[in-house]
Amino acid sequence: MAKALFGHVGVGTDLRLAAEVRHLRARVVELENEVGRVKAANDALVATVHVEDDIRVLTDEPALT
């Protein structure tokens, strides 16, 4: 077990791995921002559509469960 701990602590940070983690974190932020923009655009579109209340109730539940 000591060798495993020493090997884990003794090895410096893999620069390629650190760069990939930074890239992936940046990509996650980009995708989260895009989801926010798409939701806002969807909400704006939904606000412009006028649907009868009885039809809206039918579409609130999924067709398949």
N, C-alpha and C. Protein backbone atom coordinates (compact mmCIF):
# COMPACT_ATOMS: atom_id res chain seq x y z
N MET A 1 0.83 -1.18 0.00
CA MET A 1 0.00 0.00 0.00
C MET A 1 0.87 1.24 0.00
N ALA A 2 1.98 1.19 0.68
CA ALA A 2 2.87 2.35 0.74
C ALA A 2 3.38 2.70 -0.66
N LYS A 3 3.69 1.67 -1.44
CA LYS A 3 4.15 1.93 -2.80
C LYS A 3 3.06 2.62 -3.62
N ALA A 4 1.83 2.18 -3.45
CA ALA A 4 0.72 2.79 -4.20
C ALA A 4 0.56 4.24 -3.80
N LEU A 5 0.64 4.54 -2.52
CA LEU A 5 0.52 5.92 -2.07
C LEU A 5 1.70 6.75 -2.55
N PHE A 6 2.89 6.20 -2.47
CA PHE A 6 4.06 6.93 -2.92
C PHE A 6 3.99 7.20 -4.42
N GLY A 7 3.56 6.20 -5.16
CA GLY A 7 3.44 6.37 -6.61
C GLY A 7 2.41 7.42 -6.95
N HIS A 8 1.34 7.46 -6.17
CA HIS A 8 0.28 8.43 -6.43
C HIS A 8 0.74 9.84 -6.07
N VAL A 9 1.37 9.99 -4.93
CA VAL A 9 1.80 11.31 -4.46
C VAL A 9 3.09 11.73 -5.15
N GLY A 10 3.96 10.78 -5.42
CA GLY A 10 5.28 11.10 -5.95
C GLY A 10 5.26 11.55 -7.40
N VAL A 11 4.26 11.18 -8.15
CA VAL A 11 4.20 11.54 -9.56
C VAL A 11 3.60 12.92 -9.70
N GLY A 12 4.24 13.76 -10.49
CA GLY A 12 3.71 15.10 -10.72
C GLY A 12 2.45 15.05 -11.57
N THR A 13 1.80 16.18 -11.67
CA THR A 13 0.57 16.27 -12.44
C THR A 13 0.87 16.05 -13.92
N ASP A 14 0.08 15.19 -14.54
CA ASP A 14 0.20 14.96 -15.97
C ASP A 14 -0.35 16.19 -16.69
N LEU A 15 0.49 16.89 -17.41
CA LEU A 15 0.09 18.14 -18.04
C LEU A 15 -0.98 17.94 -19.11
N ARG A 16 -0.89 16.82 -19.81
CA ARG A 16 -1.92 16.54 -20.82
C ARG A 16 -3.28 16.32 -20.18
N LEU A 17 -3.29 15.60 -19.08
CA LEU A 17 -4.54 15.34 -18.37
C LEU A 17 -5.11 16.65 -17.81
N ALA A 18 -4.25 17.47 -17.23
CA ALA A 18 -4.71 18.75 -16.69
C ALA A 18 -5.27 19.64 -17.80
N ALA A 19 -4.62 19.65 -18.96
CA ALA A 19 -5.10 20.45 -20.08
C ALA A 19 -6.45 19.94 -20.57
N GLU A 20 -6.60 18.62 -20.62
CA GLU A 20 -7.88 18.06 -21.07
C GLU A 20 -8.99 18.37 -20.07
N VAL A 21 -8.69 18.31 -18.80
CA VAL A 21 -9.69 18.63 -17.78
C VAL A 21 -10.11 20.09 -17.91
N ARG A 22 -9.15 21.00 -18.12
CA ARG A 22 -9.49 22.42 -18.32
C ARG A 22 -10.37 22.59 -19.55
N HIS A 23 -10.02 21.89 -20.63
CA HIS A 23 -10.80 21.97 -21.87
C HIS A 23 -12.22 21.46 -21.64
N LEU A 24 -12.36 20.34 -20.95
CA LEU A 24 -13.68 19.76 -20.71
C LEU A 24 -14.51 20.66 -19.80
N ARG A 25 -13.89 21.25 -18.80
CA ARG A 25 -14.63 22.16 -17.93
C ARG A 25 -15.12 23.38 -18.70
N ALA A 26 -14.27 23.90 -19.59
CA ALA A 26 -14.69 25.04 -20.42
C ALA A 26 -15.84 24.64 -21.33
N ARG A 27 -15.77 23.44 -21.88
CA ARG A 27 -16.83 22.96 -22.76
C ARG A 27 -18.15 22.80 -22.00
N VAL A 28 -18.08 22.32 -20.76
CA VAL A 28 -19.28 22.18 -19.94
C VAL A 28 -19.91 23.55 -19.71
N VAL A 29 -19.08 24.56 -19.43
CA VAL A 29 -19.60 25.91 -19.23
C VAL A 29 -20.27 26.41 -20.51
N GLU A 30 -19.63 26.18 -21.66
CA GLU A 30 -20.22 26.59 -22.94
C GLU A 30 -21.57 25.92 -23.16
N LEU A 31 -21.65 24.63 -22.89
CA LEU A 31 -22.90 23.90 -23.10
C LEU A 31 -23.98 24.35 -22.12
N GLU A 32 -23.60 24.62 -20.88
CA GLU A 32 -24.59 25.12 -19.92
C GLU A 32 -25.14 26.48 -20.37
N ASN A 33 -24.26 27.34 -20.89
CA ASN A 33 -24.71 28.64 -21.40
C ASN A 33 -25.64 28.46 -22.60
N GLU A 34 -25.30 27.52 -23.47
CA GLU A 34 -26.15 27.27 -24.63
C GLU A 34 -27.52 26.75 -24.21
N VAL A 35 -27.55 25.88 -23.22
CA VAL A 35 -28.83 25.38 -22.72
C VAL A 35 -29.66 26.53 -22.18
N GLY A 36 -29.03 27.44 -21.47
CA GLY A 36 -29.75 28.61 -20.96
C GLY A 36 -30.32 29.47 -22.08
N ARG A 37 -29.52 29.68 -23.13
CA ARG A 37 -30.01 30.47 -24.27
C ARG A 37 -31.16 29.77 -24.98
N VAL A 38 -31.05 28.47 -25.16
CA VAL A 38 -32.10 27.71 -25.83
C VAL A 38 -33.39 27.72 -25.00
N LYS A 39 -33.26 27.57 -23.68
CA LYS A 39 -34.45 27.61 -22.83
C LYS A 39 -35.11 28.98 -22.89
N ALA A 40 -34.31 30.04 -22.90
CA ALA A 40 -34.87 31.39 -22.99
C ALA A 40 -35.58 31.59 -24.32
N ALA A 41 -34.97 31.11 -25.41
CA ALA A 41 -35.61 31.22 -26.72
C ALA A 41 -36.89 30.40 -26.76
N ASN A 42 -36.89 29.22 -26.17
CA ASN A 42 -38.08 28.38 -26.13
C ASN A 42 -39.18 29.05 -25.33
N ASP A 43 -38.83 29.62 -24.19
CA ASP A 43 -39.83 30.32 -23.37
C ASP A 43 -40.43 31.49 -24.13
N ALA A 44 -39.59 32.21 -24.89
CA ALA A 44 -40.10 33.33 -25.67
C ALA A 44 -41.06 32.85 -26.75
N LEU A 45 -40.73 31.74 -27.39
CA LEU A 45 -41.62 31.18 -28.41
C LEU A 45 -42.92 30.68 -27.81
N VAL A 46 -42.82 30.03 -26.67
CA VAL A 46 -44.02 29.52 -26.00
C VAL A 46 -44.93 30.68 -25.61
N ALA A 47 -44.34 31.78 -25.21
CA ALA A 47 -45.14 32.94 -24.79
C ALA A 47 -45.92 33.54 -25.95
N THR A 48 -45.43 33.37 -27.17
CA THR A 48 -46.11 33.94 -28.33
C THR A 48 -47.21 33.05 -28.88
N VAL A 49 -47.25 31.79 -28.47
CA VAL A 49 -48.24 30.86 -28.98
C VAL A 49 -49.47 30.89 -28.09
N HIS A 50 -50.62 31.02 -28.71
CA HIS A 50 -51.88 31.01 -27.96
C HIS A 50 -52.62 29.73 -28.28
N VAL A 51 -52.78 28.90 -27.27
CA VAL A 51 -53.44 27.61 -27.43
C VAL A 51 -54.61 27.56 -26.46
N GLU A 52 -55.67 26.95 -26.92
CA GLU A 52 -56.83 26.79 -26.05
C GLU A 52 -56.42 26.04 -24.78
N ASP A 53 -57.04 26.40 -23.66
CA ASP A 53 -56.67 25.80 -22.37
C ASP A 53 -56.89 24.29 -22.35
N ASP A 54 -57.96 23.81 -22.98
CA ASP A 54 -58.21 22.37 -22.95
C ASP A 54 -57.17 21.60 -23.75
N ILE A 55 -56.65 22.18 -24.80
CA ILE A 55 -55.59 21.53 -25.57
C ILE A 55 -54.28 21.56 -24.78
N ARG A 56 -54.00 22.67 -24.10
CA ARG A 56 -52.78 22.78 -23.31
C ARG A 56 -52.75 21.73 -22.21
N VAL A 57 -53.89 21.44 -21.60
CA VAL A 57 -53.96 20.43 -20.54
C VAL A 57 -53.62 19.07 -21.12
N LEU A 58 -54.07 18.78 -22.32
CA LEU A 58 -53.77 17.49 -22.94
C LEU A 58 -52.29 17.33 -23.25
N THR A 59 -51.61 18.41 -23.54
CA THR A 59 -50.19 18.31 -23.91
C THR A 59 -49.26 18.42 -22.72
N ASP A 60 -49.77 18.68 -21.53
CA ASP A 60 -48.91 18.77 -20.36
C ASP A 60 -48.39 17.42 -19.90
N GLU A 61 -49.11 16.35 -20.21
CA GLU A 61 -48.69 15.03 -19.78
C GLU A 61 -48.07 14.29 -20.96
N PRO A 62 -47.03 13.47 -20.69
CA PRO A 62 -46.42 12.72 -21.78
C PRO A 62 -47.39 11.68 -22.35
N ALA A 63 -47.24 11.40 -23.64
CA ALA A 63 -48.13 10.45 -24.29
C ALA A 63 -47.85 9.04 -23.82
N LEU A 64 -46.58 8.70 -23.63
CA LEU A 64 -46.21 7.36 -23.19
C LEU A 64 -45.59 7.45 -21.81
N THR A 65 -45.95 6.50 -20.98
CA THR A 65 -45.36 6.48 -19.63
C THR A 65 -44.66 5.19 -19.37
